[in-house]
Amino acid sequence: MIRVFTGPTRIGKELHKIKERLEGGKSRSHFAIGDPRYRKAISGPERGIHGPMHALAKEISETFGEPKKFAMYLGIIKNIGLRKAYWIFSKIKQSKDVKTPGKLFVYESSYHKKAKRDTK
């Protein structure tokens, strides 16, 4: 049995939606060349950000005021996983009296060995 597609594939539809969102619903030809929306419409994704882990590491490093520690945060996120990293980051952002959020993030992401219970 041969499958024939009559319309655009799902991936094609998603790409079309992204393109429309970047262009603000208009094609690039409707914008003047000096218009910032034109540059945004033709520019690709941000340089150096390849996926959700990179995006989260960049957001964490910029939020905590340590942009040069991007690689450290990326390594931590790769070790602990994306879900736990989001959880720790949101927990730190919600707390009000944190003096050094970067150190707290590293501490929260470190491995804590559970204490053994003495059963008799």
C-alpha atoms as a PDB file:
ATOM      1  CA  MET A   1       0.000   0.000   0.000  1.00  0.00           C
ATOM      2  CA  ILE A   2       1.415   3.373  -1.003  1.00  0.00           C
ATOM      3  CA  ARG A   3       0.671   6.389   1.096  1.00  0.00           C
ATOM      4  CA  VAL A   4       0.095   9.652  -0.741  1.00  0.00           C
ATOM      5  CA  PHE A   5       0.145  12.967   1.086  1.00  0.00           C
ATOM      6  CA  THR A   6      -2.253  15.507  -0.312  1.00  0.00           C
ATOM      7  CA  GLY A   7      -1.146  18.385   1.891  1.00  0.00           C
ATOM      8  CA  PRO A   8       1.838  19.600   3.837  1.00  0.00           C
ATOM      9  CA  THR A   9       3.268  17.250   6.411  1.00  0.00           C
ATOM     10  CA  ARG A  10       3.028  17.906  10.116  1.00  0.00           C
ATOM     11  CA  ILE A  11       6.623  19.114  10.255  1.00  0.00           C
ATOM     12  CA  GLY A  12       5.973  21.431   7.332  1.00  0.00           C
ATOM     13  CA  LYS A  13       2.949  22.865   9.129  1.00  0.00           C
ATOM     14  CA  GLU A  14       4.971  23.475  12.282  1.00  0.00           C
ATOM     15  CA  LEU A  15       7.727  25.206  10.315  1.00  0.00           C
ATOM     16  CA  HIS A  16       5.123  27.363   8.586  1.00  0.00           C
ATOM     17  CA  LYS A  17       3.639  28.382  11.974  1.00  0.00           C
ATOM     18  CA  ILE A  18       7.083  29.310  13.298  1.00  0.00           C
ATOM     19  CA  LYS A  19       7.836  31.326  10.172  1.00  0.00           C
ATOM     20  CA  GLU A  20       4.539  33.220  10.474  1.00  0.00           C
ATOM     21  CA  ARG A  21       5.171  33.931  14.159  1.00  0.00           C
ATOM     22  CA  LEU A  22       8.640  35.305  13.405  1.00  0.00           C
ATOM     23  CA  GLU A  23       7.315  37.465  10.624  1.00  0.00           C
ATOM     24  CA  GLY A  24       4.405  38.727  12.699  1.00  0.00           C
ATOM     25  CA  GLY A  25       1.843  37.378  10.253  1.00  0.00           C
ATOM     26  CA  LYS A  26       3.351  39.276   7.328  1.00  0.00           C
ATOM     27  CA  SER A  27       5.927  38.309   4.796  1.00  0.00           C
ATOM     28  CA  ARG A  28       9.340  39.937   4.966  1.00  0.00           C
ATOM     29  CA  SER A  29       8.626  41.973   1.870  1.00  0.00           C
ATOM     30  CA  HIS A  30       6.037  44.049   3.779  1.00  0.00           C
ATOM     31  CA  PHE A  31       8.667  45.392   6.180  1.00  0.00           C
ATOM     32  CA  ALA A  32      11.168  48.105   5.347  1.00  0.00           C
ATOM     33  CA  ILE A  33      14.775  46.915   5.394  1.00  0.00           C
ATOM     34  CA  GLY A  34      15.675  49.211   8.307  1.00  0.00           C
ATOM     35  CA  ASP A  35      12.749  47.936  10.382  1.00  0.00           C
ATOM     36  CA  PRO A  36      13.893  45.781  13.347  1.00  0.00           C
ATOM     37  CA  ARG A  37      11.058  43.326  12.639  1.00  0.00           C
ATOM     38  CA  TYR A  38      12.664  42.643   9.247  1.00  0.00           C
ATOM     39  CA  ARG A  39      15.969  41.714  10.866  1.00  0.00           C
ATOM     40  CA  LYS A  40      14.189  39.539  13.423  1.00  0.00           C
ATOM     41  CA  ALA A  41      12.226  37.818  10.676  1.00  0.00           C
ATOM     42  CA  ILE A  42      15.335  36.894   8.708  1.00  0.00           C
ATOM     43  CA  SER A  43      17.620  36.046  11.630  1.00  0.00           C
ATOM     44  CA  GLY A  44      17.819  32.467  12.802  1.00  0.00           C
ATOM     45  CA  PRO A  45      17.848  31.140  16.332  1.00  0.00           C
ATOM     46  CA  GLU A  46      20.193  32.621  18.884  1.00  0.00           C
ATOM     47  CA  ARG A  47      23.812  31.649  18.347  1.00  0.00           C
ATOM     48  CA  GLY A  48      25.105  28.889  20.626  1.00  0.00           C
ATOM     49  CA  ILE A  49      21.723  27.809  21.958  1.00  0.00           C
ATOM     50  CA  HIS A  50      21.042  24.325  20.591  1.00  0.00           C
ATOM     51  CA  GLY A  51      18.249  22.979  22.737  1.00  0.00           C
ATOM     52  CA  PRO A  52      16.260  23.236  25.950  1.00  0.00           C
ATOM     53  CA  MET A  53      19.260  22.459  28.172  1.00  0.00           C
ATOM     54  CA  HIS A  54      21.279  25.266  26.596  1.00  0.00           C
ATOM     55  CA  ALA A  55      18.339  27.660  26.863  1.00  0.00           C
ATOM     56  CA  LEU A  56      17.828  26.869  30.552  1.00  0.00           C
ATOM     57  CA  ALA A  57      21.555  27.185  31.301  1.00  0.00           C
ATOM     58  CA  LYS A  58      21.616  30.589  29.616  1.00  0.00           C
ATOM     59  CA  GLU A  59      18.517  31.747  31.490  1.00  0.00           C
ATOM     60  CA  ILE A  60      19.944  30.590  34.830  1.00  0.00           C
ATOM     61  CA  SER A  61      23.345  32.182  34.268  1.00  0.00           C
ATOM     62  CA  GLU A  62      21.811  35.507  33.206  1.00  0.00           C
ATOM     63  CA  THR A  63      19.221  35.529  36.004  1.00  0.00           C
ATOM     64  CA  PHE A  64      21.867  34.882  38.642  1.00  0.00           C
ATOM     65  CA  GLY A  65      24.189  37.509  37.133  1.00  0.00           C
ATOM     66  CA  GLU A  66      26.908  35.028  36.154  1.00  0.00           C
ATOM     67  CA  PRO A  67      26.968  34.883  32.336  1.00  0.00           C
ATOM     68  CA  LYS A  68      30.511  33.481  32.292  1.00  0.00           C
ATOM     69  CA  LYS A  69      29.390  30.392  34.240  1.00  0.00           C
ATOM     70  CA  PHE A  70      27.108  29.167  31.439  1.00  0.00           C
ATOM     71  CA  ALA A  71      29.182  25.987  30.956  1.00  0.00           C
ATOM     72  CA  MET A  72      29.036  25.125  34.655  1.00  0.00           C
ATOM     73  CA  TYR A  73      25.246  25.415  34.707  1.00  0.00           C
ATOM     74  CA  LEU A  74      24.989  23.406  31.479  1.00  0.00           C
ATOM     75  CA  GLY A  75      27.056  20.605  33.033  1.00  0.00           C
ATOM     76  CA  ILE A  76      24.903  20.591  36.151  1.00  0.00           C
ATOM     77  CA  ILE A  77      21.723  20.449  34.070  1.00  0.00           C
ATOM     78  CA  LYS A  78      23.096  17.531  32.042  1.00  0.00           C
ATOM     79  CA  ASN A  79      23.922  15.658  35.267  1.00  0.00           C
ATOM     80  CA  ILE A  80      20.679  16.206  37.168  1.00  0.00           C
ATOM     81  CA  GLY A  81      18.234  16.349  34.278  1.00  0.00           C
ATOM     82  CA  LEU A  82      16.062  19.081  32.842  1.00  0.00           C
ATOM     83  CA  ARG A  83      13.039  18.518  35.083  1.00  0.00           C
ATOM     84  CA  LYS A  84      14.968  18.714  38.364  1.00  0.00           C
ATOM     85  CA  ALA A  85      16.935  21.744  37.119  1.00  0.00           C
ATOM     86  CA  TYR A  86      13.682  23.592  36.294  1.00  0.00           C
ATOM     87  CA  TRP A  87      12.347  22.666  39.734  1.00  0.00           C
ATOM     88  CA  ILE A  88      15.434  23.966  41.567  1.00  0.00           C
ATOM     89  CA  PHE A  89      15.572  27.135  39.444  1.00  0.00           C
ATOM     90  CA  SER A  90      11.920  27.985  40.065  1.00  0.00           C
ATOM     91  CA  LYS A  91      12.323  27.270  43.784  1.00  0.00           C
ATOM     92  CA  ILE A  92      15.266  29.693  43.993  1.00  0.00           C
ATOM     93  CA  LYS A  93      13.477  32.371  41.934  1.00  0.00           C
ATOM     94  CA  GLN A  94      10.457  32.228  44.228  1.00  0.00           C
ATOM     95  CA  SER A  95      12.486  32.586  47.419  1.00  0.00           C
ATOM     96  CA  LYS A  96      13.024  36.194  48.422  1.00  0.00           C
ATOM     97  CA  ASP A  97      15.994  36.231  50.795  1.00  0.00           C
ATOM     98  CA  VAL A  98      18.687  34.389  48.801  1.00  0.00           C
ATOM     99  CA  LYS A  99      22.016  36.214  48.811  1.00  0.00           C
ATOM    100  CA  THR A 100      23.928  33.865  46.495  1.00  0.00           C
ATOM    101  CA  PRO A 101      21.479  32.046  44.214  1.00  0.00           C
ATOM    102  CA  GLY A 102      24.253  30.449  42.145  1.00  0.00           C
ATOM    103  CA  LYS A 103      25.775  28.725  45.160  1.00  0.00           C
ATOM    104  CA  LEU A 104      22.344  27.598  46.307  1.00  0.00           C
ATOM    105  CA  PHE A 105      21.626  26.122  42.858  1.00  0.00           C
ATOM    106  CA  VAL A 106      24.883  24.141  42.966  1.00  0.00           C
ATOM    107  CA  TYR A 107      24.145  22.945  46.509  1.00  0.00           C
ATOM    108  CA  GLU A 108      20.576  21.909  45.687  1.00  0.00           C
ATOM    109  CA  SER A 109      21.726  20.029  42.596  1.00  0.00           C
ATOM    110  CA  SER A 110      24.464  18.096  44.396  1.00  0.00           C
ATOM    111  CA  TYR A 111      23.950  14.475  45.296  1.00  0.00           C
ATOM    112  CA  HIS A 112      22.758  13.979  48.863  1.00  0.00           C
ATOM    113  CA  LYS A 113      23.269  10.494  50.202  1.00  0.00           C
ATOM    114  CA  LYS A 114      20.322   9.383  52.299  1.00  0.00           C
ATOM    115  CA  ALA A 115      21.143   8.429  55.855  1.00  0.00           C
ATOM    116  CA  LYS A 116      20.724   4.794  56.777  1.00  0.00           C
ATOM    117  CA  ARG A 117      18.139   3.905  59.341  1.00  0.00           C
ATOM    118  CA  ASP A 118      19.214   1.667  62.135  1.00  0.00           C
ATOM    119  CA  THR A 119      16.606  -1.021  62.498  1.00  0.00           C
ATOM    120  CA  LYS A 120      16.859  -3.414  65.391  1.00  0.00           C
END
